[in-house]
PDB file of N, CA and C in Angstrom:
ATOM      1  N   UNK A   1      54.932  27.341 152.880  1.00  0.00           N
ATOM      2  CA  UNK A   1      53.979  28.093 152.090  1.00  0.00           C
ATOM      3  C   UNK A   1      54.527  28.239 150.678  1.00  0.00           C
ATOM      4  N   UNK A   2      53.693  27.955 149.694  1.00  0.00           N
ATOM      5  CA  UNK A   2      54.132  28.067 148.315  1.00  0.00           C
ATOM      6  C   UNK A   2      54.016  29.510 147.827  1.00  0.00           C
ATOM      7  N   UNK A   3      54.760  29.809 146.773  1.00  0.00           N
ATOM      8  CA  UNK A   3      54.718  31.154 146.213  1.00  0.00           C
ATOM      9  C   UNK A   3      53.450  31.362 145.406  1.00  0.00           C
ATOM     10  N   UNK A   4      52.974  32.585 145.389  1.00  0.00           N
ATOM     11  CA  UNK A   4      51.825  32.961 144.586  1.00  0.00           C
ATOM     12  C   UNK A   4      52.338  33.415 143.228  1.00  0.00           C
ATOM     13  N   UNK A   5      51.736  32.884 142.158  1.00  0.00           N
ATOM     14  CA  UNK A   5      52.097  33.272 140.802  1.00  0.00           C
ATOM     15  C   UNK A   5      50.852  33.774 140.092  1.00  0.00           C
ATOM     16  N   UNK A   6      50.947  34.959 139.497  1.00  0.00           N
ATOM     17  CA  UNK A   6      49.842  35.550 138.745  1.00  0.00           C
ATOM     18  C   UNK A   6      50.314  35.874 137.339  1.00  0.00           C
ATOM     19  N   UNK A   7      49.460  35.566 136.365  1.00  0.00           N
ATOM     20  CA  UNK A   7      49.713  35.915 134.970  1.00  0.00           C
ATOM     21  C   UNK A   7      48.759  37.046 134.639  1.00  0.00           C
ATOM     22  N   UNK A   8      49.311  38.149 134.111  1.00  0.00           N
ATOM     23  CA  UNK A   8      48.528  39.373 133.952  1.00  0.00           C
ATOM     24  C   UNK A   8      48.757  39.975 132.569  1.00  0.00           C
ATOM     25  N   UNK A   9      47.675  40.508 131.988  1.00  0.00           N
ATOM     26  CA  UNK A   9      47.743  41.273 130.739  1.00  0.00           C
ATOM     27  C   UNK A   9      47.273  42.695 131.040  1.00  0.00           C
ATOM     28  N   UNK A  10      48.033  43.685 130.571  1.00  0.00           N
ATOM     29  CA  UNK A  10      47.705  45.090 130.825  1.00  0.00           C
ATOM     30  C   UNK A  10      47.677  45.850 129.495  1.00  0.00           C
ATOM     31  N   UNK A  11      46.549  46.515 129.190  1.00  0.00           N
ATOM     32  CA  UNK A  11      46.490  47.354 127.981  1.00  0.00           C
ATOM     33  C   UNK A  11      47.056  48.745 128.264  1.00  0.00           C
ATOM     34  N   UNK A  12      47.525  49.428 127.220  1.00  0.00           N
ATOM     35  CA  UNK A  12      48.019  50.800 127.333  1.00  0.00           C
ATOM     36  C   UNK A  12      47.367  51.653 126.258  1.00  0.00           C
ATOM     37  N   UNK A  13      47.041  52.894 126.610  1.00  0.00           N
ATOM     38  CA  UNK A  13      46.429  53.826 125.674  1.00  0.00           C
ATOM     39  C   UNK A  13      47.214  55.130 125.641  1.00  0.00           C
ATOM     40  N   UNK A  14      47.201  55.783 124.474  1.00  0.00           N
ATOM     41  CA  UNK A  14      47.817  57.102 124.334  1.00  0.00           C
ATOM     42  C   UNK A  14      46.785  58.156 124.711  1.00  0.00           C
ATOM     43  N   UNK A  15      47.141  59.053 125.627  1.00  0.00           N
ATOM     44  CA  UNK A  15      46.278  60.152 126.036  1.00  0.00           C
ATOM     45  C   UNK A  15      47.073  61.444 125.964  1.00  0.00           C
ATOM     46  N   UNK A  16      46.441  62.551 126.316  1.00  0.00           N
ATOM     47  CA  UNK A  16      47.156  63.828 126.343  1.00  0.00           C
ATOM     48  C   UNK A  16      48.219  63.838 127.437  1.00  0.00           C
ATOM     49  N   UNK A  17      48.117  62.922 128.397  1.00  0.00           N
ATOM     50  CA  UNK A  17      49.112  62.792 129.474  1.00  0.00           C
ATOM     51  C   UNK A  17      50.228  61.818 129.121  1.00  0.00           C
ATOM     52  N   UNK A  18      50.168  61.228 127.935  1.00  0.00           N
ATOM     53  CA  UNK A  18      51.164  60.244 127.520  1.00  0.00           C
ATOM     54  C   UNK A  18      50.552  58.851 127.478  1.00  0.00           C
ATOM     55  N   UNK A  19      51.380  57.839 127.688  1.00  0.00           N
ATOM     56  CA  UNK A  19      50.912  56.456 127.673  1.00  0.00           C
ATOM     57  C   UNK A  19      50.391  56.110 129.064  1.00  0.00           C
ATOM     58  N   UNK A  20      49.136  55.630 129.112  1.00  0.00           N
ATOM     59  CA  UNK A  20      48.483  55.336 130.387  1.00  0.00           C
ATOM     60  C   UNK A  20      48.056  53.873 130.407  1.00  0.00           C
ATOM     61  N   UNK A  21      48.306  53.198 131.531  1.00  0.00           N
ATOM     62  CA  UNK A  21      47.918  51.800 131.686  1.00  0.00           C
ATOM     63  C   UNK A  21      46.427  51.687 131.953  1.00  0.00           C
ATOM     64  N   UNK A  22      45.813  50.663 131.360  1.00  0.00           N
ATOM     65  CA  UNK A  22      44.412  50.354 131.617  1.00  0.00           C
ATOM     66  C   UNK A  22      44.305  49.371 132.778  1.00  0.00           C
ATOM     67  N   UNK A  23      43.136  48.798 132.939  1.00  0.00           N
ATOM     68  CA  UNK A  23      42.905  47.832 134.013  1.00  0.00           C
ATOM     69  C   UNK A  23      43.598  46.516 133.694  1.00  0.00           C
ATOM     70  N   UNK A  24      44.385  45.993 134.634  1.00  0.00           N
ATOM     71  CA  UNK A  24      45.035  44.708 134.407  1.00  0.00           C
ATOM     72  C   UNK A  24      44.016  43.577 134.451  1.00  0.00           C
ATOM     73  N   UNK A  25      44.273  42.525 133.692  1.00  0.00           N
ATOM     74  CA  UNK A  25      43.393  41.358 133.685  1.00  0.00           C
ATOM     75  C   UNK A  25      44.195  40.125 134.065  1.00  0.00           C
ATOM     76  N   UNK A  26      43.748  39.424 135.101  1.00  0.00           N
ATOM     77  CA  UNK A  26      44.401  38.184 135.507  1.00  0.00           C
ATOM     78  C   UNK A  26      44.034  37.080 134.532  1.00  0.00           C
ATOM     79  N   UNK A  27      45.014  36.227 134.251  1.00  0.00           N
ATOM     80  CA  UNK A  27      44.820  35.123 133.309  1.00  0.00           C
ATOM     81  C   UNK A  27      45.261  33.824 133.974  1.00  0.00           C
ATOM     82  N   UNK A  28      44.812  32.702 133.418  1.00  0.00           N
ATOM     83  CA  UNK A  28      45.075  31.391 134.018  1.00  0.00           C
ATOM     84  C   UNK A  28      46.475  30.849 133.728  1.00  0.00           C
ATOM     85  N   UNK A  29      47.024  31.185 132.570  1.00  0.00           N
ATOM     86  CA  UNK A  29      48.311  30.633 132.150  1.00  0.00           C
ATOM     87  C   UNK A  29      49.153  31.715 131.479  1.00  0.00           C
ATOM     88  N   UNK A  30      50.447  31.467 131.309  1.00  0.00           N
ATOM     89  CA  UNK A  30      51.270  32.432 130.577  1.00  0.00           C
ATOM     90  C   UNK A  30      50.777  32.619 129.137  1.00  0.00           C
ATOM     91  N   UNK A  31      50.387  31.525 128.494  1.00  0.00           N
ATOM     92  CA  UNK A  31      49.908  31.613 127.103  1.00  0.00           C
ATOM     93  C   UNK A  31      48.638  32.452 127.010  1.00  0.00           C
ATOM     94  N   UNK A  32      47.733  32.307 127.979  1.00  0.00           N
ATOM     95  CA  UNK A  32      46.495  33.093 127.928  1.00  0.00           C
ATOM     96  C   UNK A  32      46.776  34.569 128.199  1.00  0.00           C
ATOM     97  N   UNK A  33      47.768  34.878 129.036  1.00  0.00           N
ATOM     98  CA  UNK A  33      48.138  36.281 129.271  1.00  0.00           C
ATOM     99  C   UNK A  33      48.713  36.901 128.003  1.00  0.00           C
ATOM    100  N   UNK A  34      49.527  36.142 127.281  1.00  0.00           N
ATOM    101  CA  UNK A  34      50.104  36.635 126.028  1.00  0.00           C
ATOM    102  C   UNK A  34      49.002  36.843 124.992  1.00  0.00           C
ATOM    103  N   UNK A  35      48.093  35.889 124.859  1.00  0.00           N
ATOM    104  CA  UNK A  35      46.999  36.020 123.894  1.00  0.00           C
ATOM    105  C   UNK A  35      46.069  37.175 124.248  1.00  0.00           C
ATOM    106  N   UNK A  36      45.788  37.373 125.536  1.00  0.00           N
ATOM    107  CA  UNK A  36      44.929  38.479 125.966  1.00  0.00           C
ATOM    108  C   UNK A  36      45.600  39.812 125.647  1.00  0.00           C
ATOM    109  N   UNK A  37      46.904  39.933 125.916  1.00  0.00           N
ATOM    110  CA  UNK A  37      47.628  41.165 125.612  1.00  0.00           C
ATOM    111  C   UNK A  37      47.632  41.430 124.114  1.00  0.00           C
ATOM    112  N   UNK A  38      47.849  40.388 123.329  1.00  0.00           N
ATOM    113  CA  UNK A  38      47.829  40.530 121.870  1.00  0.00           C
ATOM    114  C   UNK A  38      46.447  40.992 121.405  1.00  0.00           C
ATOM    115  N   UNK A  39      45.400  40.461 122.010  1.00  0.00           N
ATOM    116  CA  UNK A  39      44.040  40.866 121.677  1.00  0.00           C
ATOM    117  C   UNK A  39      43.754  42.307 122.051  1.00  0.00           C
ATOM    118  N   UNK A  40      44.260  42.743 123.213  1.00  0.00           N
ATOM    119  CA  UNK A  40      44.097  44.149 123.602  1.00  0.00           C
ATOM    120  C   UNK A  40      44.650  45.053 122.511  1.00  0.00           C
ATOM    121  N   UNK A  41      45.805  44.686 121.986  1.00  0.00           N
ATOM    122  CA  UNK A  41      46.497  45.515 120.999  1.00  0.00           C
ATOM    123  C   UNK A  41      45.883  45.381 119.608  1.00  0.00           C
ATOM    124  N   UNK A  42      45.760  44.147 119.100  1.00  0.00           N
ATOM    125  CA  UNK A  42      45.314  43.942 117.724  1.00  0.00           C
ATOM    126  C   UNK A  42      43.813  44.096 117.535  1.00  0.00           C
ATOM    127  N   UNK A  43      43.025  43.508 118.404  1.00  0.00           N
ATOM    128  CA  UNK A  43      41.583  43.448 118.195  1.00  0.00           C
ATOM    129  C   UNK A  43      40.858  44.631 118.829  1.00  0.00           C
ATOM    130  N   UNK A  44      41.199  44.975 120.057  1.00  0.00           N
ATOM    131  CA  UNK A  44      40.484  46.038 120.765  1.00  0.00           C
ATOM    132  C   UNK A  44      41.043  47.428 120.498  1.00  0.00           C
ATOM    133  N   UNK A  45      42.182  47.510 119.809  1.00  0.00           N
ATOM    134  CA  UNK A  45      42.693  48.796 119.359  1.00  0.00           C
ATOM    135  C   UNK A  45      43.414  49.645 120.389  1.00  0.00           C
ATOM    136  N   UNK A  46      43.907  49.037 121.455  1.00  0.00           N
ATOM    137  CA  UNK A  46      44.721  49.796 122.404  1.00  0.00           C
ATOM    138  C   UNK A  46      46.066  50.105 121.744  1.00  0.00           C
ATOM    139  N   UNK A  47      46.747  51.126 122.233  1.00  0.00           N
ATOM    140  CA  UNK A  47      48.037  51.508 121.658  1.00  0.00           C
ATOM    141  C   UNK A  47      49.076  50.411 121.845  1.00  0.00           C
ATOM    142  N   UNK A  48      48.949  49.657 122.906  1.00  0.00           N
ATOM    143  CA  UNK A  48      49.874  48.574 123.188  1.00  0.00           C
ATOM    144  C   UNK A  48      49.368  47.747 124.344  1.00  0.00           C
ATOM    145  N   UNK A  49      50.115  46.699 124.654  1.00  0.00           N
ATOM    146  CA  UNK A  49      49.754  45.839 125.778  1.00  0.00           C
ATOM    147  C   UNK A  49      50.983  45.046 126.187  1.00  0.00           C
ATOM    148  N   UNK A  50      50.945  44.543 127.396  1.00  0.00           N
ATOM    149  CA  UNK A  50      52.048  43.741 127.905  1.00  0.00           C
ATOM    150  C   UNK A  50      51.478  42.552 128.671  1.00  0.00           C
ATOM    151  N   UNK A  51      52.144  41.408 128.534  1.00  0.00           N
ATOM    152  CA  UNK A  51      51.814  40.220 129.312  1.00  0.00           C
ATOM    153  C   UNK A  51      52.972  40.001 130.280  1.00  0.00           C
ATOM    154  N   UNK A  52      52.641  39.720 131.533  1.00  0.00           N
ATOM    155  CA  UNK A  52      53.687  39.535 132.525  1.00  0.00           C
ATOM    156  C   UNK A  52      53.299  38.478 133.538  1.00  0.00           C
ATOM    157  N   UNK A  53      54.294  38.024 134.269  1.00  0.00           N
ATOM    158  CA  UNK A  53      54.076  37.084 135.358  1.00  0.00           C
ATOM    159  C   UNK A  53      54.628  37.722 136.625  1.00  0.00           C
ATOM    160  N   UNK A  54      53.864  37.658 137.690  1.00  0.00           N
ATOM    161  CA  UNK A  54      54.260  38.206 138.988  1.00  0.00           C
ATOM    162  C   UNK A  54      54.310  37.046 139.974  1.00  0.00           C
ATOM    163  N   UNK A  55      55.470  36.856 140.613  1.00  0.00           N
ATOM    164  CA  UNK A  55      55.672  35.739 141.532  1.00  0.00           C
ATOM    165  C   UNK A  55      56.065  36.267 142.905  1.00  0.00           C
ATOM    166  N   UNK A  56      55.452  35.690 143.949  1.00  0.00           N
ATOM    167  CA  UNK A  56      55.793  36.040 145.318  1.00  0.00           C
ATOM    168  C   UNK A  56      54.785  36.949 145.960  1.00  0.00           C
ATOM    169  N   UNK A  57      54.769  36.922 147.292  1.00  0.00           N
ATOM    170  CA  UNK A  57      53.924  37.826 148.071  1.00  0.00           C
ATOM    171  C   UNK A  57      54.517  37.930 149.463  1.00  0.00           C
ATOM    172  N   UNK A  58      54.641  39.076 150.056  1.00  0.00           N
ATOM    173  CA  UNK A  58      54.262  40.398 149.570  1.00  0.00           C
ATOM    174  C   UNK A  58      55.299  41.015 148.635  1.00  0.00           C
ATOM    175  N   UNK A  59      56.532  40.575 148.729  1.00  0.00           N
ATOM    176  CA  UNK A  59      57.561  41.058 147.803  1.00  0.00           C
ATOM    177  C   UNK A  59      57.433  40.272 146.511  1.00  0.00           C
ATOM    178  N   UNK A  60      57.090  40.957 145.422  1.00  0.00           N
ATOM    179  CA  UNK A  60      56.839  40.271 144.160  1.00  0.00           C
ATOM    180  C   UNK A  60      57.943  40.554 143.151  1.00  0.00           C
ATOM    181  N   UNK A  61      58.263  39.533 142.379  1.00  0.00           N
ATOM    182  CA  UNK A  61      59.191  39.680 141.261  1.00  0.00           C
ATOM    183  C   UNK A  61      58.355  39.633 139.984  1.00  0.00           C
ATOM    184  N   UNK A  62      58.542  40.610 139.117  1.00  0.00           N
ATOM    185  CA  UNK A  62      57.753  40.701 137.889  1.00  0.00           C
ATOM    186  C   UNK A  62      58.643  40.463 136.684  1.00  0.00           C
ATOM    187  N   UNK A  63      58.166  39.593 135.787  1.00  0.00           N
ATOM    188  CA  UNK A  63      58.872  39.280 134.549  1.00  0.00           C
ATOM    189  C   UNK A  63      57.941  39.544 133.377  1.00  0.00           C
ATOM    190  N   UNK A  64      58.411  40.324 132.410  1.00  0.00           N
ATOM    191  CA  UNK A  64      57.624  40.605 131.210  1.00  0.00           C
ATOM    192  C   UNK A  64      57.732  39.408 130.276  1.00  0.00           C
ATOM    193  N   UNK A  65      56.577  38.884 129.882  1.00  0.00           N
ATOM    194  CA  UNK A  65      56.538  37.753 128.955  1.00  0.00           C
ATOM    195  C   UNK A  65      56.579  38.234 127.506  1.00  0.00           C
ATOM    196  N   UNK A  66      55.797  39.284 127.197  1.00  0.00           N
ATOM    197  CA  UNK A  66      55.729  39.794 125.831  1.00  0.00           C
ATOM    198  C   UNK A  66      55.188  41.210 125.827  1.00  0.00           C
ATOM    199  N   UNK A  67      55.673  42.032 124.903  1.00  0.00           N
ATOM    200  CA  UNK A  67      55.187  43.401 124.690  1.00  0.00           C
ATOM    201  C   UNK A  67      54.599  43.494 123.287  1.00  0.00           C
ATOM    202  N   UNK A  68      53.500  44.241 123.160  1.00  0.00           N
ATOM    203  CA  UNK A  68      52.870  44.473 121.866  1.00  0.00           C
ATOM    204  C   UNK A  68      52.627  45.960 121.705  1.00  0.00           C
ATOM    205  N   UNK A  69      52.916  46.502 120.532  1.00  0.00           N
ATOM    206  CA  UNK A  69      52.631  47.915 120.244  1.00  0.00           C
ATOM    207  C   UNK A  69      53.449  48.877 121.079  1.00  0.00           C
ATOM    208  N   UNK A  70      52.826  49.985 121.473  1.00  0.00           N
ATOM    209  CA  UNK A  70      53.477  51.052 122.212  1.00  0.00           C
ATOM    210  C   UNK A  70      53.228  50.894 123.708  1.00  0.00           C
ATOM    211  N   UNK A  71      54.305  50.607 124.427  1.00  0.00           N
ATOM    212  CA  UNK A  71      54.235  50.515 125.896  1.00  0.00           C
ATOM    213  C   UNK A  71      55.420  51.277 126.473  1.00  0.00           C
ATOM    214  N   UNK A  72      55.270  51.811 127.695  1.00  0.00           N
ATOM    215  CA  UNK A  72      56.378  52.560 128.289  1.00  0.00           C
ATOM    216  C   UNK A  72      57.555  51.631 128.630  1.00  0.00           C
ATOM    217  N   UNK A  73      58.762  52.199 128.631  1.00  0.00           N
ATOM    218  CA  UNK A  73      59.944  51.422 129.013  1.00  0.00           C
ATOM    219  C   UNK A  73      59.858  50.975 130.471  1.00  0.00           C
ATOM    220  N   UNK A  74      59.418  51.890 131.320  1.00  0.00           N
ATOM    221  CA  UNK A  74      59.236  51.595 132.739  1.00  0.00           C
ATOM    222  C   UNK A  74      57.769  51.293 132.981  1.00  0.00           C
ATOM    223  N   UNK A  75      57.446  50.057 133.278  1.00  0.00           N
ATOM    224  CA  UNK A  75      56.054  49.677 133.491  1.00  0.00           C
ATOM    225  C   UNK A  75      55.587  50.089 134.892  1.00  0.00           C
ATOM    226  N   UNK A  76      54.358  50.552 135.021  1.00  0.00           N
ATOM    227  CA  UNK A  76      53.825  50.974 136.328  1.00  0.00           C
ATOM    228  C   UNK A  76      53.314  49.771 137.128  1.00  0.00           C
ATOM    229  N   UNK A  77      54.238  48.913 137.560  1.00  0.00           N
ATOM    230  CA  UNK A  77      53.831  47.707 138.278  1.00  0.00           C
ATOM    231  C   UNK A  77      54.510  47.601 139.613  1.00  0.00           C
TER     232      UNK A  77
END
């Protein structure tokens, strides 16, 4: 069985509770996840965004590809 690999972009917003993650968006490639995260931050006006790759199932290893703007040090993933 081959490993499952997902490329994901997650936006973050500043609220009265601190930095809160938005809905994650699955992407087709690492480059598209990075571009989507950059768009969340620059174009859509979120406080920040992160692009990451998640490999494996059910035990997944997560690697951050790129961070934009304000994101928490510990990601809720």
